[in-house]
Amino acid sequence: MWETCCAPIIRGDRAAATAAALMRSRYSAYVVEAESYLLASWHPQTRPSRVRFTNGQRWLGLQVKNTASGGVDDKAGTVEFVARYKIDGRGHRLHEVSRFERLEGQWYYLDGQHLN
C-alpha cells in the first residue's frame, strides 16, 4: 500500500489529487519522519519553521472518517480522521478535522481542529 499510495507523493513523483490523498501522505510522512515533505505540504500561511517528532512515538494506523469537498475539482476541503499511536507503550489517538486548500493545483494542509 505504501509504495502505491503515499511514497510517490512524498518523493514528489506525483501530486496528491485530493485532500484525502494529501492527508494520507502526510500521515505516512509522520510515520517515516519526512520533515521536508511535511513542511512543503503545509499551507504557506500556517507553516511552522520546523516539525517536531516525539522520541519513542510509533504510529499504528489511520482511519479517515469523513471528507467534505476536497475532490479533484475543488479548491478546499476537510478530512476528519483518527490516527492511533503509542509513546513508551501507552496508546493514544489523534482525532482531528483538518482543513485543506488547493493553490495553483497543489493541495496544502491549512489547519485542524482537535476533537475528543
PDB file of N, CA and C in Angstrom:
ATOM      1  N   MET A   1       0.820  -1.192   0.000  1.00  0.00           N
ATOM      2  CA  MET A   1       0.000   0.000   0.000  1.00  0.00           C
ATOM      3  C   MET A   1       0.870   1.264   0.000  1.00  0.00           C
ATOM      4  N   TRP A   2       1.918   1.283   0.821  1.00  0.00           N
ATOM      5  CA  TRP A   2       2.801   2.442   0.943  1.00  0.00           C
ATOM      6  C   TRP A   2       3.364   2.854  -0.411  1.00  0.00           C
ATOM      7  N   GLU A   3       3.874   1.904  -1.185  1.00  0.00           N
ATOM      8  CA  GLU A   3       4.526   2.223  -2.461  1.00  0.00           C
ATOM      9  C   GLU A   3       3.557   2.764  -3.502  1.00  0.00           C
ATOM     10  N   THR A   4       2.297   2.363  -3.461  1.00  0.00           N
ATOM     11  CA  THR A   4       1.349   2.851  -4.465  1.00  0.00           C
ATOM     12  C   THR A   4       0.585   4.075  -3.989  1.00  0.00           C
ATOM     13  N   CYS A   5       0.381   4.197  -2.696  1.00  0.00           N
ATOM     14  CA  CYS A   5      -0.433   5.292  -2.151  1.00  0.00           C
ATOM     15  C   CYS A   5       0.377   6.547  -1.878  1.00  0.00           C
ATOM     16  N   CYS A   6       1.294   6.438  -0.970  1.00  0.00           N
ATOM     17  CA  CYS A   6       1.890   7.650  -0.394  1.00  0.00           C
ATOM     18  C   CYS A   6       3.337   7.911  -0.777  1.00  0.00           C
ATOM     19  N   ALA A   7       4.122   6.880  -0.969  1.00  0.00           N
ATOM     20  CA  ALA A   7       5.537   7.086  -1.279  1.00  0.00           C
ATOM     21  C   ALA A   7       5.741   7.954  -2.520  1.00  0.00           C
ATOM     22  N   PRO A   8       5.002   7.732  -3.623  1.00  0.00           N
ATOM     23  CA  PRO A   8       5.212   8.591  -4.796  1.00  0.00           C
ATOM     24  C   PRO A   8       4.890  10.068  -4.532  1.00  0.00           C
ATOM     25  N   ILE A   9       3.924  10.332  -3.675  1.00  0.00           N
ATOM     26  CA  ILE A   9       3.573  11.717  -3.342  1.00  0.00           C
ATOM     27  C   ILE A   9       4.670  12.333  -2.480  1.00  0.00           C
ATOM     28  N   ILE A  10       5.133  11.597  -1.486  1.00  0.00           N
ATOM     29  CA  ILE A  10       6.179  12.097  -0.592  1.00  0.00           C
ATOM     30  C   ILE A  10       7.486  12.321  -1.358  1.00  0.00           C
ATOM     31  N   ARG A  11       7.794  11.430  -2.301  1.00  0.00           N
ATOM     32  CA  ARG A  11       9.010  11.577  -3.113  1.00  0.00           C
ATOM     33  C   ARG A  11       8.900  12.701  -4.137  1.00  0.00           C
ATOM     34  N   GLY A  12       7.677  13.174  -4.394  1.00  0.00           N
ATOM     35  CA  GLY A  12       7.478  14.221  -5.387  1.00  0.00           C
ATOM     36  C   GLY A  12       7.272  13.693  -6.794  1.00  0.00           C
ATOM     37  N   ASP A  13       7.040  12.377  -6.929  1.00  0.00           N
ATOM     38  CA  ASP A  13       6.799  11.786  -8.243  1.00  0.00           C
ATOM     39  C   ASP A  13       5.444  12.192  -8.809  1.00  0.00           C
ATOM     40  N   ARG A  14       4.502  12.464  -7.916  1.00  0.00           N
ATOM     41  CA  ARG A  14       3.183  12.940  -8.329  1.00  0.00           C
ATOM     42  C   ARG A  14       2.584  13.752  -7.195  1.00  0.00           C
ATOM     43  N   ALA A  15       1.626  14.598  -7.551  1.00  0.00           N
ATOM     44  CA  ALA A  15       0.938  15.416  -6.550  1.00  0.00           C
ATOM     45  C   ALA A  15      -0.268  14.663  -6.009  1.00  0.00           C
ATOM     46  N   ALA A  16      -0.676  15.001  -4.807  1.00  0.00           N
ATOM     47  CA  ALA A  16      -1.906  14.444  -4.241  1.00  0.00           C
ATOM     48  C   ALA A  16      -3.087  14.998  -5.030  1.00  0.00           C
ATOM     49  N   ALA A  17      -3.951  14.120  -5.531  1.00  0.00           N
ATOM     50  CA  ALA A  17      -5.083  14.549  -6.361  1.00  0.00           C
ATOM     51  C   ALA A  17      -6.229  15.110  -5.534  1.00  0.00           C
ATOM     52  N   THR A  18      -6.325  14.708  -4.273  1.00  0.00           N
ATOM     53  CA  THR A  18      -7.434  15.124  -3.417  1.00  0.00           C
ATOM     54  C   THR A  18      -6.899  15.503  -2.041  1.00  0.00           C
ATOM     55  N   ALA A  19      -7.745  16.153  -1.265  1.00  0.00           N
ATOM     56  CA  ALA A  19      -7.372  16.487   0.111  1.00  0.00           C
ATOM     57  C   ALA A  19      -7.147  15.216   0.928  1.00  0.00           C
ATOM     58  N   ALA A  20      -7.973  14.193   0.721  1.00  0.00           N
ATOM     59  CA  ALA A  20      -7.809  12.934   1.458  1.00  0.00           C
ATOM     60  C   ALA A  20      -6.485  12.268   1.104  1.00  0.00           C
ATOM     61  N   ALA A  21      -6.085  12.327  -0.163  1.00  0.00           N
ATOM     62  CA  ALA A  21      -4.794  11.756  -0.564  1.00  0.00           C
ATOM     63  C   ALA A  21      -3.650  12.505   0.107  1.00  0.00           C
ATOM     64  N   LEU A  22      -3.773  13.823   0.213  1.00  0.00           N
ATOM     65  CA  LEU A  22      -2.739  14.590   0.911  1.00  0.00           C
ATOM     66  C   LEU A  22      -2.722  14.219   2.387  1.00  0.00           C
ATOM     67  N   MET A  23      -3.901  14.045   2.990  1.00  0.00           N
ATOM     68  CA  MET A  23      -3.981  13.650   4.401  1.00  0.00           C
ATOM     69  C   MET A  23      -3.253  12.331   4.619  1.00  0.00           C
ATOM     70  N   ARG A  24      -3.524  11.343   3.775  1.00  0.00           N
ATOM     71  CA  ARG A  24      -2.873  10.029   3.918  1.00  0.00           C
ATOM     72  C   ARG A  24      -1.359  10.142   3.751  1.00  0.00           C
ATOM     73  N   SER A  25      -0.934  10.942   2.785  1.00  0.00           N
ATOM     74  CA  SER A  25       0.513  11.082   2.561  1.00  0.00           C
ATOM     75  C   SER A  25       1.170  11.796   3.739  1.00  0.00           C
ATOM     76  N   ARG A  26       0.486  12.751   4.327  1.00  0.00           N
ATOM     77  CA  ARG A  26       1.054  13.450   5.479  1.00  0.00           C
ATOM     78  C   ARG A  26       1.132  12.526   6.694  1.00  0.00           C
ATOM     79  N   TYR A  27       0.128  11.688   6.890  1.00  0.00           N
ATOM     80  CA  TYR A  27       0.207  10.696   7.970  1.00  0.00           C
ATOM     81  C   TYR A  27       1.441   9.813   7.747  1.00  0.00           C
ATOM     82  N   SER A  28       1.593   9.316   6.522  1.00  0.00           N
ATOM     83  CA  SER A  28       2.744   8.460   6.211  1.00  0.00           C
ATOM     84  C   SER A  28       4.057   9.200   6.412  1.00  0.00           C
ATOM     85  N   ALA A  29       4.071  10.486   6.097  1.00  0.00           N
ATOM     86  CA  ALA A  29       5.285  11.277   6.295  1.00  0.00           C
ATOM     87  C   ALA A  29       5.624  11.398   7.784  1.00  0.00           C
ATOM     88  N   TYR A  30       4.617  11.475   8.636  1.00  0.00           N
ATOM     89  CA  TYR A  30       4.886  11.468  10.073  1.00  0.00           C
ATOM     90  C   TYR A  30       5.472  10.123  10.484  1.00  0.00           C
ATOM     91  N   VAL A  31       4.951   9.024   9.916  1.00  0.00           N
ATOM     92  CA  VAL A  31       5.456   7.692  10.253  1.00  0.00           C
ATOM     93  C   VAL A  31       6.944   7.581   9.936  1.00  0.00           C
ATOM     94  N   VAL A  32       7.361   8.087   8.761  1.00  0.00           N
ATOM     95  CA  VAL A  32       8.763   7.966   8.334  1.00  0.00           C
ATOM     96  C   VAL A  32       9.586   9.219   8.658  1.00  0.00           C
ATOM     97  N   GLU A  33       8.976  10.171   9.358  1.00  0.00           N
ATOM     98  CA  GLU A  33       9.627  11.415   9.777  1.00  0.00           C
ATOM     99  C   GLU A  33      10.224  12.174   8.592  1.00  0.00           C
ATOM    100  N   ALA A  34       9.398  12.363   7.572  1.00  0.00           N
ATOM    101  CA  ALA A  34       9.801  13.100   6.371  1.00  0.00           C
ATOM    102  C   ALA A  34       9.481  14.577   6.564  1.00  0.00           C
ATOM    103  N   GLU A  35      10.309  15.256   7.346  1.00  0.00           N
ATOM    104  CA  GLU A  35      10.047  16.642   7.712  1.00  0.00           C
ATOM    105  C   GLU A  35       9.954  17.566   6.501  1.00  0.00           C
ATOM    106  N   SER A  36      10.826  17.403   5.530  1.00  0.00           N
ATOM    107  CA  SER A  36      10.813  18.318   4.384  1.00  0.00           C
ATOM    108  C   SER A  36       9.495  18.214   3.618  1.00  0.00           C
ATOM    109  N   TYR A  37       8.948  17.008   3.481  1.00  0.00           N
ATOM    110  CA  TYR A  37       7.657  16.862   2.799  1.00  0.00           C
ATOM    111  C   TYR A  37       6.536  17.483   3.636  1.00  0.00           C
ATOM    112  N   LEU A  38       6.551  17.260   4.934  1.00  0.00           N
ATOM    113  CA  LEU A  38       5.515  17.824   5.791  1.00  0.00           C
ATOM    114  C   LEU A  38       5.502  19.340   5.692  1.00  0.00           C
ATOM    115  N   LEU A  39       6.669  19.948   5.714  1.00  0.00           N
ATOM    116  CA  LEU A  39       6.739  21.404   5.596  1.00  0.00           C
ATOM    117  C   LEU A  39       6.297  21.869   4.209  1.00  0.00           C
ATOM    118  N   ALA A  40       6.703  21.159   3.178  1.00  0.00           N
ATOM    119  CA  ALA A  40       6.337  21.540   1.806  1.00  0.00           C
ATOM    120  C   ALA A  40       4.841  21.406   1.552  1.00  0.00           C
ATOM    121  N   SER A  41       4.177  20.491   2.246  1.00  0.00           N
ATOM    122  CA  SER A  41       2.743  20.275   2.044  1.00  0.00           C
ATOM    123  C   SER A  41       1.882  21.073   3.020  1.00  0.00           C
ATOM    124  N   TRP A  42       2.520  21.892   3.833  1.00  0.00           N
ATOM    125  CA  TRP A  42       1.823  22.761   4.789  1.00  0.00           C
ATOM    126  C   TRP A  42       1.527  24.085   4.102  1.00  0.00           C
ATOM    127  N   HIS A  43       0.349  24.619   4.303  1.00  0.00           N
ATOM    128  CA  HIS A  43      -0.050  25.880   3.682  1.00  0.00           C
ATOM    129  C   HIS A  43       0.933  26.981   4.071  1.00  0.00           C
ATOM    130  N   PRO A  44       1.361  27.814   3.116  1.00  0.00           N
ATOM    131  CA  PRO A  44       2.334  28.865   3.431  1.00  0.00           C
ATOM    132  C   PRO A  44       1.890  29.815   4.550  1.00  0.00           C
ATOM    133  N   GLN A  45       0.591  30.042   4.707  1.00  0.00           N
ATOM    134  CA  GLN A  45       0.114  30.962   5.750  1.00  0.00           C
ATOM    135  C   GLN A  45       0.196  30.379   7.153  1.00  0.00           C
ATOM    136  N   THR A  46       0.234  29.049   7.276  1.00  0.00           N
ATOM    137  CA  THR A  46       0.220  28.431   8.603  1.00  0.00           C
ATOM    138  C   THR A  46       1.428  27.528   8.854  1.00  0.00           C
ATOM    139  N   ARG A  47       2.349  27.462   7.919  1.00  0.00           N
ATOM    140  CA  ARG A  47       3.503  26.559   8.001  1.00  0.00           C
ATOM    141  C   ARG A  47       4.424  26.952   9.149  1.00  0.00           C
ATOM    142  N   PRO A  48       4.774  25.988   9.999  1.00  0.00           N
ATOM    143  CA  PRO A  48       5.749  26.272  11.061  1.00  0.00           C
ATOM    144  C   PRO A  48       7.169  26.273  10.477  1.00  0.00           C
ATOM    145  N   SER A  49       8.126  26.675  11.272  1.00  0.00           N
ATOM    146  CA  SER A  49       9.507  26.685  10.803  1.00  0.00           C
ATOM    147  C   SER A  49      10.115  25.289  10.790  1.00  0.00           C
ATOM    148  N   ARG A  50       9.567  24.403  11.608  1.00  0.00           N
ATOM    149  CA  ARG A  50      10.043  23.015  11.640  1.00  0.00           C
ATOM    150  C   ARG A  50       8.955  22.115  12.211  1.00  0.00           C
ATOM    151  N   VAL A  51       9.132  20.813  12.007  1.00  0.00           N
ATOM    152  CA  VAL A  51       8.217  19.809  12.549  1.00  0.00           C
ATOM    153  C   VAL A  51       8.959  19.082  13.652  1.00  0.00           C
ATOM    154  N   ARG A  52       8.334  18.958  14.777  1.00  0.00           N
ATOM    155  CA  ARG A  52       8.947  18.250  15.899  1.00  0.00           C
ATOM    156  C   ARG A  52       8.366  16.842  15.976  1.00  0.00           C
ATOM    157  N   PHE A  53       9.261  15.860  16.092  1.00  0.00           N
ATOM    158  CA  PHE A  53       8.856  14.474  16.244  1.00  0.00           C
ATOM    159  C   PHE A  53       9.119  14.056  17.684  1.00  0.00           C
ATOM    160  N   THR A  54       8.303  13.147  18.188  1.00  0.00           N
ATOM    161  CA  THR A  54       8.415  12.684  19.561  1.00  0.00           C
ATOM    162  C   THR A  54       9.219  11.389  19.596  1.00  0.00           C
ATOM    163  N   ASN A  55      10.307  11.387  20.377  1.00  0.00           N
ATOM    164  CA  ASN A  55      11.102  10.160  20.518  1.00  0.00           C
ATOM    165  C   ASN A  55      10.242   9.046  21.085  1.00  0.00           C
ATOM    166  N   GLY A  56      10.377   7.880  20.521  1.00  0.00           N
ATOM    167  CA  GLY A  56       9.642   6.721  21.008  1.00  0.00           C
ATOM    168  C   GLY A  56       8.209   6.636  20.520  1.00  0.00           C
ATOM    169  N   GLN A  57       7.790   7.560  19.681  1.00  0.00           N
ATOM    170  CA  GLN A  57       6.423   7.525  19.159  1.00  0.00           C
ATOM    171  C   GLN A  57       6.354   6.538  18.000  1.00  0.00           C
ATOM    172  N   ARG A  58       5.349   5.655  18.048  1.00  0.00           N
ATOM    173  CA  ARG A  58       5.152   4.668  16.991  1.00  0.00           C
ATOM    174  C   ARG A  58       3.723   4.788  16.484  1.00  0.00           C
ATOM    175  N   TRP A  59       3.581   5.116  15.216  1.00  0.00           N
ATOM    176  CA  TRP A  59       2.265   5.271  14.604  1.00  0.00           C
ATOM    177  C   TRP A  59       1.685   3.901  14.299  1.00  0.00           C
ATOM    178  N   LEU A  60       0.398   3.724  14.592  1.00  0.00           N
ATOM    179  CA  LEU A  60      -0.243   2.413  14.472  1.00  0.00           C
ATOM    180  C   LEU A  60      -1.279   2.328  13.360  1.00  0.00           C
ATOM    181  N   GLY A  61      -1.847   3.453  12.948  1.00  0.00           N
ATOM    182  CA  GLY A  61      -2.844   3.383  11.887  1.00  0.00           C
ATOM    183  C   GLY A  61      -3.625   4.670  11.742  1.00  0.00           C
ATOM    184  N   LEU A  62      -4.217   4.797  10.569  1.00  0.00           N
ATOM    185  CA  LEU A  62      -5.015   5.971  10.223  1.00  0.00           C
ATOM    186  C   LEU A  62      -6.379   5.510   9.741  1.00  0.00           C
ATOM    187  N   GLN A  63      -7.413   6.151  10.247  1.00  0.00           N
ATOM    188  CA  GLN A  63      -8.767   5.914   9.770  1.00  0.00           C
ATOM    189  C   GLN A  63      -9.359   7.253   9.338  1.00  0.00           C
ATOM    190  N   VAL A  64      -9.671   7.363   8.050  1.00  0.00           N
ATOM    191  CA  VAL A  64     -10.357   8.550   7.559  1.00  0.00           C
ATOM    192  C   VAL A  64     -11.839   8.329   7.804  1.00  0.00           C
ATOM    193  N   LYS A  65     -12.445   9.185   8.601  1.00  0.00           N
ATOM    194  CA  LYS A  65     -13.835   9.013   9.000  1.00  0.00           C
ATOM    195  C   LYS A  65     -14.806   9.753   8.088  1.00  0.00           C
ATOM    196  N   ASN A  66     -14.382  10.906   7.554  1.00  0.00           N
ATOM    197  CA  ASN A  66     -15.305  11.703   6.744  1.00  0.00           C
ATOM    198  C   ASN A  66     -14.503  12.700   5.915  1.00  0.00           C
ATOM    199  N   THR A  67     -15.016  13.006   4.743  1.00  0.00           N
ATOM    200  CA  THR A  67     -14.444  14.064   3.928  1.00  0.00           C
ATOM    201  C   THR A  67     -15.575  14.961   3.445  1.00  0.00           C
ATOM    202  N   ALA A  68     -15.272  16.220   3.274  1.00  0.00           N
ATOM    203  CA  ALA A  68     -16.228  17.177   2.708  1.00  0.00           C
ATOM    204  C   ALA A  68     -15.469  17.981   1.665  1.00  0.00           C
ATOM    205  N   SER A  69     -15.951  17.931   0.450  1.00  0.00           N
ATOM    206  CA  SER A  69     -15.261  18.556  -0.679  1.00  0.00           C
ATOM    207  C   SER A  69     -13.852  17.984  -0.756  1.00  0.00           C
ATOM    208  N   GLY A  70     -12.903  18.754  -1.256  1.00  0.00           N
ATOM    209  CA  GLY A  70     -11.532  18.257  -1.331  1.00  0.00           C
ATOM    210  C   GLY A  70     -11.270  17.335  -2.505  1.00  0.00           C
ATOM    211  N   GLY A  71     -12.181  17.330  -3.484  1.00  0.00           N
ATOM    212  CA  GLY A  71     -12.005  16.472  -4.649  1.00  0.00           C
ATOM    213  C   GLY A  71     -11.104  17.090  -5.696  1.00  0.00           C
ATOM    214  N   VAL A  72     -10.980  16.416  -6.819  1.00  0.00           N
ATOM    215  CA  VAL A  72     -10.046  16.847  -7.861  1.00  0.00           C
ATOM    216  C   VAL A  72     -10.413  18.198  -8.464  1.00  0.00           C
ATOM    217  N   ASP A  73     -11.674  18.604  -8.387  1.00  0.00           N
ATOM    218  CA  ASP A  73     -12.094  19.886  -8.948  1.00  0.00           C
ATOM    219  C   ASP A  73     -12.362  20.961  -7.896  1.00  0.00           C
ATOM    220  N   ASP A  74     -12.106  20.650  -6.630  1.00  0.00           N
ATOM    221  CA  ASP A  74     -12.387  21.586  -5.538  1.00  0.00           C
ATOM    222  C   ASP A  74     -11.182  22.453  -5.216  1.00  0.00           C
ATOM    223  N   LYS A  75     -11.443  23.561  -4.562  1.00  0.00           N
ATOM    224  CA  LYS A  75     -10.382  24.478  -4.107  1.00  0.00           C
ATOM    225  C   LYS A  75     -10.094  24.311  -2.615  1.00  0.00           C
ATOM    226  N   ALA A  76     -11.023  23.684  -1.885  1.00  0.00           N
ATOM    227  CA  ALA A  76     -10.865  23.488  -0.444  1.00  0.00           C
ATOM    228  C   ALA A  76     -11.597  22.220  -0.040  1.00  0.00           C
ATOM    229  N   GLY A  77     -11.246  21.717   1.127  1.00  0.00           N
ATOM    230  CA  GLY A  77     -11.924  20.530   1.638  1.00  0.00           C
ATOM    231  C   GLY A  77     -11.522  20.267   3.072  1.00  0.00           C
ATOM    232  N   THR A  78     -12.273  19.364   3.696  1.00  0.00           N
ATOM    233  CA  THR A  78     -11.955  18.934   5.057  1.00  0.00           C
ATOM    234  C   THR A  78     -11.880  17.417   5.103  1.00  0.00           C
ATOM    235  N   VAL A  79     -11.056  16.934   6.009  1.00  0.00           N
ATOM    236  CA  VAL A  79     -10.913  15.500   6.235  1.00  0.00           C
ATOM    237  C   VAL A  79     -10.929  15.268   7.738  1.00  0.00           C
ATOM    238  N   GLU A  80     -11.866  14.457   8.195  1.00  0.00           N
ATOM    239  CA  GLU A  80     -11.892  14.030   9.598  1.00  0.00           C
ATOM    240  C   GLU A  80     -11.187  12.687   9.683  1.00  0.00           C
ATOM    241  N   PHE A  81     -10.268  12.569  10.629  1.00  0.00           N
ATOM    242  CA  PHE A  81      -9.507  11.328  10.748  1.00  0.00           C
ATOM    243  C   PHE A  81      -9.209  11.016  12.206  1.00  0.00           C
ATOM    244  N   VAL A  82      -8.861   9.766  12.435  1.00  0.00           N
ATOM    245  CA  VAL A  82      -8.325   9.321  13.715  1.00  0.00           C
ATOM    246  C   VAL A  82      -7.008   8.615  13.412  1.00  0.00           C
ATOM    247  N   ALA A  83      -5.937   9.092  14.022  1.00  0.00           N
ATOM    248  CA  ALA A  83      -4.628   8.456  13.913  1.00  0.00           C
ATOM    249  C   ALA A  83      -4.275   7.879  15.285  1.00  0.00           C
ATOM    250  N   ARG A  84      -3.899   6.619  15.288  1.00  0.00           N
ATOM    251  CA  ARG A  84      -3.536   5.960  16.546  1.00  0.00           C
ATOM    252  C   ARG A  84      -2.017   5.829  16.620  1.00  0.00           C
ATOM    253  N   TYR A  85      -1.491   5.994  17.855  1.00  0.00           N
ATOM    254  CA  TYR A  85      -0.052   5.869  18.050  1.00  0.00           C
ATOM    255  C   TYR A  85       0.240   5.481  19.493  1.00  0.00           C
ATOM    256  N   LYS A  86       1.475   5.041  19.723  1.00  0.00           N
ATOM    257  CA  LYS A  86       1.942   4.730  21.068  1.00  0.00           C
ATOM    258  C   LYS A  86       3.201   5.522  21.352  1.00  0.00           C
ATOM    259  N   ILE A  87       3.308   5.934  22.608  1.00  0.00           N
ATOM    260  CA  ILE A  87       4.534   6.531  23.121  1.00  0.00           C
ATOM    261  C   ILE A  87       4.885   5.768  24.385  1.00  0.00           C
ATOM    262  N   ASP A  88       6.075   5.181  24.382  1.00  0.00           N
ATOM    263  CA  ASP A  88       6.533   4.386  25.535  1.00  0.00           C
ATOM    264  C   ASP A  88       5.503   3.338  25.932  1.00  0.00           C
ATOM    265  N   GLY A  89       4.906   2.679  24.940  1.00  0.00           N
ATOM    266  CA  GLY A  89       3.967   1.591  25.187  1.00  0.00           C
ATOM    267  C   GLY A  89       2.548   2.008  25.535  1.00  0.00           C
ATOM    268  N   ARG A  90       2.303   3.295  25.670  1.00  0.00           N
ATOM    269  CA  ARG A  90       0.966   3.786  26.034  1.00  0.00           C
ATOM    270  C   ARG A  90       0.238   4.269  24.788  1.00  0.00           C
ATOM    271  N   GLY A  91      -0.983   3.788  24.583  1.00  0.00           N
ATOM    272  CA  GLY A  91      -1.765   4.131  23.408  1.00  0.00           C
ATOM    273  C   GLY A  91      -2.395   5.508  23.465  1.00  0.00           C
ATOM    274  N   HIS A  92      -2.421   6.169  22.316  1.00  0.00           N
ATOM    275  CA  HIS A  92      -3.024   7.491  22.164  1.00  0.00           C
ATOM    276  C   HIS A  92      -3.758   7.536  20.831  1.00  0.00           C
ATOM    277  N   ARG A  93      -4.626   8.536  20.694  1.00  0.00           N
ATOM    278  CA  ARG A  93      -5.266   8.770  19.402  1.00  0.00           C
ATOM    279  C   ARG A  93      -5.410  10.260  19.168  1.00  0.00           C
ATOM    280  N   LEU A  94      -5.237  10.619  17.931  1.00  0.00           N
ATOM    281  CA  LEU A  94      -5.404  11.997  17.497  1.00  0.00           C
ATOM    282  C   LEU A  94      -6.636  12.026  16.601  1.00  0.00           C
ATOM    283  N   HIS A  95      -7.677  12.699  17.057  1.00  0.00           N
ATOM    284  CA  HIS A  95      -8.930  12.833  16.289  1.00  0.00           C
ATOM    285  C   HIS A  95      -9.014  14.287  15.871  1.00  0.00           C
ATOM    286  N   GLU A  96      -9.023  14.523  14.561  1.00  0.00           N
ATOM    287  CA  GLU A  96      -8.941  15.882  14.060  1.00  0.00           C
ATOM    288  C   GLU A  96      -9.796  16.055  12.817  1.00  0.00           C
ATOM    289  N   VAL A  97     -10.304  17.244  12.642  1.00  0.00           N
ATOM    290  CA  VAL A  97     -10.888  17.668  11.373  1.00  0.00           C
ATOM    291  C   VAL A  97      -9.897  18.658  10.784  1.00  0.00           C
ATOM    292  N   SER A  98      -9.276  18.255   9.687  1.00  0.00           N
ATOM    293  CA  SER A  98      -8.250  19.070   9.040  1.00  0.00           C
ATOM    294  C   SER A  98      -8.841  19.820   7.861  1.00  0.00           C
ATOM    295  N   ARG A  99      -8.361  21.047   7.670  1.00  0.00           N
ATOM    296  CA  ARG A  99      -8.769  21.848   6.509  1.00  0.00           C
ATOM    297  C   ARG A  99      -7.624  21.887   5.507  1.00  0.00           C
ATOM    298  N   PHE A 100      -7.994  21.768   4.239  1.00  0.00           N
ATOM    299  CA  PHE A 100      -7.031  21.764   3.152  1.00  0.00           C
ATOM    300  C   PHE A 100      -7.445  22.792   2.112  1.00  0.00           C
ATOM    301  N   GLU A 101      -6.453  23.349   1.435  1.00  0.00           N
ATOM    302  CA  GLU A 101      -6.721  24.316   0.379  1.00  0.00           C
ATOM    303  C   GLU A 101      -5.812  23.993  -0.805  1.00  0.00           C
ATOM    304  N   ARG A 102      -6.357  24.145  -1.999  1.00  0.00           N
ATOM    305  CA  ARG A 102      -5.552  23.921  -3.199  1.00  0.00           C
ATOM    306  C   ARG A 102      -5.127  25.266  -3.768  1.00  0.00           C
ATOM    307  N   LEU A 103      -3.823  25.422  -3.940  1.00  0.00           N
ATOM    308  CA  LEU A 103      -3.238  26.628  -4.510  1.00  0.00           C
ATOM    309  C   LEU A 103      -2.450  26.235  -5.756  1.00  0.00           C
ATOM    310  N   GLU A 104      -2.770  26.860  -6.873  1.00  0.00           N
ATOM    311  CA  GLU A 104      -2.059  26.602  -8.125  1.00  0.00           C
ATOM    312  C   GLU A 104      -1.926  25.106  -8.411  1.00  0.00           C
ATOM    313  N   GLY A 105      -3.021  24.375  -8.187  1.00  0.00           N
ATOM    314  CA  GLY A 105      -3.063  22.951  -8.500  1.00  0.00           C
ATOM    315  C   GLY A 105      -2.503  22.020  -7.449  1.00  0.00           C
ATOM    316  N   GLN A 106      -1.967  22.535  -6.346  1.00  0.00           N
ATOM    317  CA  GLN A 106      -1.388  21.719  -5.275  1.00  0.00           C
ATOM    318  C   GLN A 106      -2.247  21.814  -4.024  1.00  0.00           C
ATOM    319  N   TRP A 107      -2.498  20.664  -3.387  1.00  0.00           N
ATOM    320  CA  TRP A 107      -3.195  20.645  -2.110  1.00  0.00           C
ATOM    321  C   TRP A 107      -2.211  20.939  -0.984  1.00  0.00           C
ATOM    322  N   TYR A 108      -2.691  21.697   0.022  1.00  0.00           N
ATOM    323  CA  TYR A 108      -1.902  22.027   1.204  1.00  0.00           C
ATOM    324  C   TYR A 108      -2.753  21.836   2.453  1.00  0.00           C
ATOM    325  N   TYR A 109      -2.105  21.379   3.513  1.00  0.00           N
ATOM    326  CA  TYR A 109      -2.744  21.317   4.827  1.00  0.00           C
ATOM    327  C   TYR A 109      -2.783  22.735   5.382  1.00  0.00           C
ATOM    328  N   LEU A 110      -3.978  23.223   5.719  1.00  0.00           N
ATOM    329  CA  LEU A 110      -4.132  24.574   6.254  1.00  0.00           C
ATOM    330  C   LEU A 110      -4.061  24.564   7.780  1.00  0.00           C
ATOM    331  N   ASP A 111      -4.981  23.832   8.412  1.00  0.00           N
ATOM    332  CA  ASP A 111      -5.000  23.739   9.873  1.00  0.00           C
ATOM    333  C   ASP A 111      -5.985  22.644  10.270  1.00  0.00           C
ATOM    334  N   GLY A 112      -6.101  22.430  11.567  1.00  0.00           N
ATOM    335  CA  GLY A 112      -7.002  21.386  12.037  1.00  0.00           C
ATOM    336  C   GLY A 112      -7.577  21.701  13.397  1.00  0.00           C
ATOM    337  N   GLN A 113      -8.726  21.104  13.638  1.00  0.00           N
ATOM    338  CA  GLN A 113      -9.395  21.233  14.927  1.00  0.00           C
ATOM    339  C   GLN A 113      -9.381  19.860  15.601  1.00  0.00           C
ATOM    340  N   HIS A 114      -8.774  19.795  16.777  1.00  0.00           N
ATOM    341  CA  HIS A 114      -8.711  18.532  17.519  1.00  0.00           C
ATOM    342  C   HIS A 114     -10.070  18.255  18.157  1.00  0.00           C
ATOM    343  N   LEU A 115     -10.501  17.020  18.054  1.00  0.00           N
ATOM    344  CA  LEU A 115     -11.751  16.564  18.662  1.00  0.00           C
ATOM    345  C   LEU A 115     -11.413  15.568  19.779  1.00  0.00           C
ATOM    346  N   ASN A 116     -12.357  15.339  20.661  1.00  0.00           N
ATOM    347  CA  ASN A 116     -12.127  14.370  21.747  1.00  0.00           C
ATOM    348  C   ASN A 116     -12.358  12.966  21.282  1.00  0.00           C
TER     349      ASN A 116
END
